[in-house]
Structures are given as structure tokens and as C-alpha cells.
Amino acid sequence: MPVSTFICIGFPYNYMLGTGVEMSSGKKDCNWITIVTAFLSLLSALGVAYIGYQSRRLEHQVDLLKVRVEEESVAVERESVSLEQRRFEAEQRMRRDEIIREYVPMLLSSEETERRIALAVLFVLYPNDAPDILAKVSEAIGEEQSQEFMAMMEQAESIAERTGDWGIVIGSDTTLEAALDEVRTAQEYGYEAVVYYRGGWFATVVGPFPSQEVAESVNIVIRSEIRDSAFVINFNSWCPSPIQRDGYLECQTQ
């Protein structure tokens, strides 16, 4: 009986024409090939799944590393700002102490010229702090000299009142809506802010602060957090006699 030879996935097996009878060796070869093929497909699927898992795991680790780097960068920046602020405050204290050591004794001088010079220095450099400085000097001297200090202290208090509080301008906008956005930004960082209309601009001002020194110290932080162009102003000279409007204060500038 003629026999034809066929290929079963690369392996020969015999099929008896007209009988439908397969050779046993050929059938076993096909079964093994099916099993091996399925096993290889399973390995391939597992390999793809493992590679995907490792890829996602690596991406997660990279994301965690980025977050850690960002957090460390923020911490370093905050520490840098804090250091700059402490250095500024230390320098201001040293400068103030030097001024006090040099000029406060002149307040007790018998020469009127020296007393006027000392007062002028205090009023110009520390208009807000001059009353406290003079009060401490008054406590350390005799009653007779203390009475002479009363006129100086009254003058110092008058100047401090005219000098008023200080503020920090963090933005100038052409519309009130934009300025109010600046106010909300300041509030997110824990600062109180008010909008002033001055010279055709809506200025957002943080404050008030009791002295220029305090305002300058806070401005170091504001420049790092909100806007690096923020600057300190004195309310009484920058915006005298403001008028309350709907949502802002209007400055009466000349």
C-alpha cells in the first residue's frame, strides 16, 4: 500500500491513505511539540509580565527618588533662607548696638550740639525704636536728667507716630482681580495682605510691621517664597491718608 509522508511541525509522520490510521511515533511527536510550544508561550508570557513588573517597580523607585530629592531641595532652600534671615538680624543688632554705644552717651552731653546730633541719628535710623531707646536711657539716669529727657521722648514718640508702620509690596497689577489673586497667594503662605490703588496700579502689600528692620527681615523670606522683587515701604510716606474703596484702599498721592 502506498504511503505518503507529511510534516508535523517540522517532524515526519506516516499516514495510511484511505485508512485514517496514524503511525504511533508521529502522534507522540506532535503531542510533545504541542506541550513544548505551550510551555514556551507560558514562559514568554511570564517573562513579559516580569519585565513589566520590574519596569513599574523601577518607575516607582525613580518617582520616590524624585520626591525625596525635591523635598531635600526644599529643605536646603528653607535652611538657606533661614540662615540669611538670621544673619541679617544679627547684622542689624550689631549695627544698632554700635549706634547706641556711640550716640546714646551723647544724649547726656552738656553740649546741645552733641545732643541734637545724637537725636537726629536715632530719629533717622530708628524712628520707630527711638522712644524705647530713650525710655531705657531715662531709667538709667537720675531724676533731674530724666525730666530733661521728657521733651526728647515726646519728640521721639511724635516722630514714631508720623513714621507709622511698614509694609512689603509683593505685586503690582493693572486689575483688582489680579491683585486679589496675589492676596490669596500671600494668605496661602500665612501672610495678611491688602490691596492699595496707587499711581494707576493695584499693589498687593503684606503687613503691617512695627519697624523697617522687622519688615526687611520678613522680606527675606517673602522674596524666596512669593516674589523675589518684593520691597519694603513705609505706609505713611508711600500711601498717606488712604480712602477705603470696595475691596481695596486708594492712596492720595500728589
Protein backbone atom coordinates (compact mmCIF):
# COMPACT_ATOMS: atom_id res chain seq x y z
CA MET A 1 0.00 0.00 0.00
CA PRO A 2 1.45 3.32 -0.96
CA VAL A 3 2.43 5.53 1.97
CA SER A 4 2.62 9.29 1.88
CA THR A 5 4.90 11.21 4.28
CA PHE A 6 3.70 14.52 5.81
CA ILE A 7 5.32 17.07 8.15
CA CYS A 8 4.00 17.62 11.74
CA ILE A 9 5.55 20.94 12.86
CA GLY A 10 8.86 20.05 11.43
CA PHE A 11 8.76 16.27 12.20
CA PRO A 12 7.67 13.48 9.74
CA TYR A 13 4.81 11.08 10.46
CA ASN A 14 3.13 8.47 8.21
CA TYR A 15 -0.50 8.43 7.35
CA MET A 16 -2.01 5.33 5.67
CA LEU A 17 -4.01 6.53 2.73
CA GLY A 18 -7.62 5.52 2.87
CA THR A 19 -7.43 4.11 6.40
CA GLY A 20 -7.12 7.20 8.62
CA VAL A 21 -4.53 5.33 10.70
CA GLU A 22 -1.64 7.38 12.07
CA MET A 23 1.73 5.97 12.90
CA SER A 24 2.21 5.99 16.69
CA SER A 25 5.65 7.63 16.64
CA GLY A 26 4.37 10.58 14.61
CA LYS A 27 1.46 11.17 17.01
CA LYS A 28 3.74 11.23 20.03
CA ASP A 29 5.99 13.74 18.30
CA CYS A 30 3.04 16.07 17.68
CA ASN A 31 1.89 15.82 21.33
CA TRP A 32 5.33 16.72 22.64
CA ILE A 33 5.61 19.61 20.23
CA THR A 34 2.22 20.96 21.41
CA ILE A 35 3.31 20.71 25.06
CA VAL A 36 6.67 22.37 24.40
CA THR A 37 5.03 25.13 22.38
CA ALA A 38 2.50 25.83 25.16
CA PHE A 39 5.27 25.80 27.76
CA LEU A 40 7.36 28.23 25.74
CA SER A 41 4.32 30.50 25.31
CA LEU A 42 3.77 30.41 29.07
CA LEU A 43 7.42 31.26 29.70
CA SER A 44 7.17 34.12 27.22
CA ALA A 45 4.04 35.49 28.90
CA LEU A 46 5.65 35.19 32.34
CA GLY A 47 8.76 36.90 31.03
CA VAL A 48 6.74 39.81 29.63
CA ALA A 49 4.80 40.10 32.90
CA TYR A 50 8.01 40.03 34.95
CA ILE A 51 9.64 42.66 32.76
CA GLY A 52 6.52 44.82 33.09
CA TYR A 53 6.56 44.39 36.87
CA GLN A 54 10.25 45.29 37.09
CA SER A 55 9.67 48.29 34.83
CA ARG A 56 6.81 49.59 37.00
CA ARG A 57 8.83 48.92 40.15
CA LEU A 58 11.76 50.85 38.71
CA GLU A 59 9.49 53.74 37.70
CA HIS A 60 8.05 53.81 41.24
CA GLN A 61 11.55 53.90 42.73
CA VAL A 62 12.51 56.72 40.36
CA ASP A 63 9.37 58.67 41.37
CA LEU A 64 10.18 58.18 45.06
CA LEU A 65 13.73 59.35 44.44
CA LYS A 66 12.47 62.45 42.64
CA VAL A 67 10.14 63.26 45.53
CA ARG A 68 12.96 62.78 48.02
CA VAL A 69 15.29 65.00 46.00
CA GLU A 70 12.61 67.70 45.75
CA GLU A 71 11.92 67.52 49.50
CA GLU A 72 15.62 67.75 50.29
CA SER A 73 15.99 70.67 47.86
CA VAL A 74 13.11 72.49 49.55
CA ALA A 75 14.61 71.79 52.98
CA VAL A 76 18.02 73.07 51.86
CA GLU A 77 16.43 76.20 50.37
CA ARG A 78 14.45 76.88 53.54
CA GLU A 79 17.54 76.42 55.68
CA SER A 80 19.44 78.78 53.38
CA VAL A 81 16.70 81.41 53.69
CA SER A 82 16.55 80.95 57.45
CA LEU A 83 20.32 81.34 57.67
CA GLU A 84 20.19 84.51 55.57
CA GLN A 85 17.43 85.88 57.77
CA ARG A 86 19.34 85.13 60.99
CA ARG A 87 22.48 86.68 59.55
CA PHE A 88 20.56 89.82 58.57
CA GLU A 89 19.02 90.12 62.03
CA ALA A 90 22.42 89.59 63.68
CA GLU A 91 23.99 92.26 61.48
CA GLN A 92 21.15 94.67 62.28
CA ARG A 93 21.54 94.05 66.01
CA MET A 94 25.30 94.61 65.80
CA ARG A 95 24.79 97.82 63.82
CA ARG A 96 22.15 99.02 66.24
CA ASP A 97 24.33 98.23 69.26
CA GLU A 98 27.21 100.16 67.69
CA ILE A 99 24.98 103.17 67.06
CA ILE A 100 23.64 103.05 70.60
CA ARG A 101 27.12 102.77 72.13
CA GLU A 102 28.34 105.69 70.04
CA TYR A 103 25.43 108.11 70.17
CA VAL A 104 23.40 107.38 73.31
CA PRO A 105 26.13 108.76 75.61
CA MET A 106 25.97 111.96 73.54
CA LEU A 107 22.36 112.37 74.66
CA LEU A 108 23.74 113.11 78.13
CA SER A 109 26.31 115.58 76.87
CA SER A 110 26.36 119.10 78.23
CA GLU A 111 26.79 120.31 74.65
CA GLU A 112 23.48 120.95 72.94
CA THR A 113 25.03 120.31 69.53
CA GLU A 114 26.01 116.77 70.51
CA ARG A 115 22.57 116.06 71.94
CA ARG A 116 20.93 117.22 68.71
CA ILE A 117 23.27 115.08 66.62
CA ALA A 118 22.51 112.00 68.73
CA LEU A 119 18.76 112.60 68.50
CA ALA A 120 18.94 113.15 64.74
CA VAL A 121 20.80 109.85 64.27
CA LEU A 122 18.23 107.95 66.34
CA PHE A 123 15.28 109.59 64.61
CA VAL A 124 16.65 108.94 61.13
CA LEU A 125 17.95 105.39 61.63
CA TYR A 126 15.46 104.10 64.19
CA PRO A 127 12.35 106.31 64.12
CA ASN A 128 10.12 103.51 65.41
CA ASP A 129 12.51 102.34 68.12
CA ALA A 130 13.71 105.74 69.35
CA PRO A 131 11.03 106.05 72.09
CA ASP A 132 12.03 102.71 73.64
CA ILE A 133 15.73 103.54 73.43
CA LEU A 134 15.20 106.89 75.13
CA ALA A 135 12.95 105.29 77.76
CA LYS A 136 15.71 102.84 78.71
CA VAL A 137 18.23 105.69 78.93
CA SER A 138 15.81 107.64 81.10
CA GLU A 139 15.53 104.71 83.53
CA ALA A 140 19.31 104.56 83.91
CA ILE A 141 19.89 108.22 84.78
CA GLY A 142 19.00 110.47 87.68
CA GLU A 143 15.63 112.10 88.20
CA GLU A 144 16.86 115.56 87.25
CA GLN A 145 18.27 114.40 83.91
CA SER A 146 15.23 112.19 83.42
CA GLN A 147 13.00 115.25 83.45
CA GLU A 148 15.16 116.81 80.76
CA PHE A 149 14.59 113.66 78.71
CA MET A 150 10.83 114.15 78.70
CA ALA A 151 10.98 116.62 75.80
CA MET A 152 13.19 114.23 73.83
CA MET A 153 10.84 111.32 74.45
CA GLU A 154 7.79 113.33 73.42
CA GLN A 155 9.56 114.31 70.22
CA ALA A 156 10.58 110.69 69.61
CA GLU A 157 7.01 109.46 70.11
CA SER A 158 5.71 112.11 67.73
CA ILE A 159 8.21 111.07 65.05
CA ALA A 160 7.45 107.39 65.58
CA GLU A 161 3.74 108.11 65.18
CA ARG A 162 4.34 110.08 62.00
CA THR A 163 6.60 107.35 60.66
CA GLY A 164 3.95 104.72 61.26
CA ASP A 165 4.04 101.11 60.18
CA TRP A 166 5.88 99.39 57.37
CA GLY A 167 4.76 97.02 54.65
CA ILE A 168 6.08 94.81 51.86
CA VAL A 169 4.85 95.21 48.29
CA ILE A 170 4.66 91.76 46.68
CA GLY A 171 2.96 92.67 43.42
CA SER A 172 1.53 95.42 41.19
CA ASP A 173 -1.30 94.64 38.78
CA THR A 174 -3.50 96.51 36.33
CA THR A 175 -6.72 94.95 37.64
CA LEU A 176 -8.21 94.41 41.08
CA GLU A 177 -8.94 90.76 40.27
CA ALA A 178 -5.27 90.04 39.63
CA ALA A 179 -4.30 91.83 42.83
CA LEU A 180 -6.82 89.79 44.83
CA ASP A 181 -5.18 86.65 43.42
CA GLU A 182 -1.92 87.97 44.90
CA VAL A 183 -3.69 88.40 48.24
CA ARG A 184 -4.83 84.78 48.18
CA THR A 185 -1.30 83.66 47.35
CA ALA A 186 0.05 85.60 50.32
CA GLN A 187 -2.59 84.07 52.59
CA GLU A 188 -1.60 80.58 51.45
CA TYR A 189 1.86 81.33 52.83
CA GLY A 190 0.44 82.67 56.09
CA TYR A 191 0.69 86.42 55.40
CA GLU A 192 -2.05 89.02 55.66
CA ALA A 193 -2.20 91.29 52.63
CA VAL A 194 -4.21 94.31 51.47
CA VAL A 195 -4.66 95.84 48.02
CA TYR A 196 -3.75 99.51 47.56
CA TYR A 197 -4.55 101.53 44.44
CA ARG A 198 -1.65 103.87 43.80
CA GLY A 199 -0.48 105.62 40.64
CA GLY A 200 -2.75 103.59 38.37
CA TRP A 201 -1.69 100.22 39.80
CA PHE A 202 -3.27 97.80 42.26
CA ALA A 203 -0.44 96.98 44.66
CA THR A 204 -0.63 93.99 47.00
CA VAL A 205 1.01 94.81 50.33
CA VAL A 206 1.85 92.44 53.18
CA GLY A 207 1.91 93.91 56.67
CA PRO A 208 1.87 95.99 58.71
CA PHE A 209 5.17 95.68 60.58
CA PRO A 210 6.23 97.83 63.54
CA SER A 211 9.62 98.82 62.12
CA GLN A 212 11.69 98.81 58.96
CA GLU A 213 14.07 96.28 60.47
CA VAL A 214 11.28 93.77 61.08
CA ALA A 215 9.87 94.33 57.59
CA GLU A 216 13.27 93.83 55.96
CA SER A 217 13.76 90.59 57.89
CA VAL A 218 10.37 89.21 56.82
CA ASN A 219 11.03 90.32 53.24
CA ILE A 220 13.96 87.91 53.04
CA VAL A 221 11.51 85.04 53.41
CA ILE A 222 8.88 86.60 51.14
CA ARG A 223 11.40 87.03 48.34
CA SER A 224 12.20 83.32 48.48
CA GLU A 225 8.59 82.14 48.80
CA ILE A 226 6.42 84.54 46.83
CA ARG A 227 8.29 87.08 44.71
CA ASP A 228 11.98 87.94 44.51
CA SER A 229 11.18 91.55 43.56
CA ALA A 230 9.22 92.33 46.77
CA PHE A 231 10.28 95.54 48.51
CA VAL A 232 9.69 97.37 51.80
CA ILE A 233 7.66 100.59 52.06
CA ASN A 234 6.65 102.98 54.81
CA PHE A 235 2.88 103.37 54.80
CA ASN A 236 2.80 107.00 55.88
CA SER A 237 5.06 108.19 53.08
CA TRP A 238 4.09 105.62 50.43
CA CYS A 239 0.31 105.87 50.89
CA PRO A 240 -0.75 108.79 53.07
CA SER A 241 -4.40 109.06 54.10
CA PRO A 242 -5.78 106.10 52.12
CA ILE A 243 -9.50 106.03 51.31
CA GLN A 244 -11.46 102.80 51.71
CA ARG A 245 -12.96 101.55 48.45
CA ASP A 246 -14.78 98.35 47.54
CA GLY A 247 -12.08 95.70 48.00
CA TYR A 248 -9.07 98.00 48.21
CA LEU A 249 -7.59 101.21 49.66
CA GLU A 250 -6.93 104.18 47.40
CA CYS A 251 -3.80 106.23 48.12
CA GLN A 252 -3.98 110.00 47.99
CA THR A 253 -0.77 110.74 46.11
CA GLN A 254 0.26 114.17 44.92
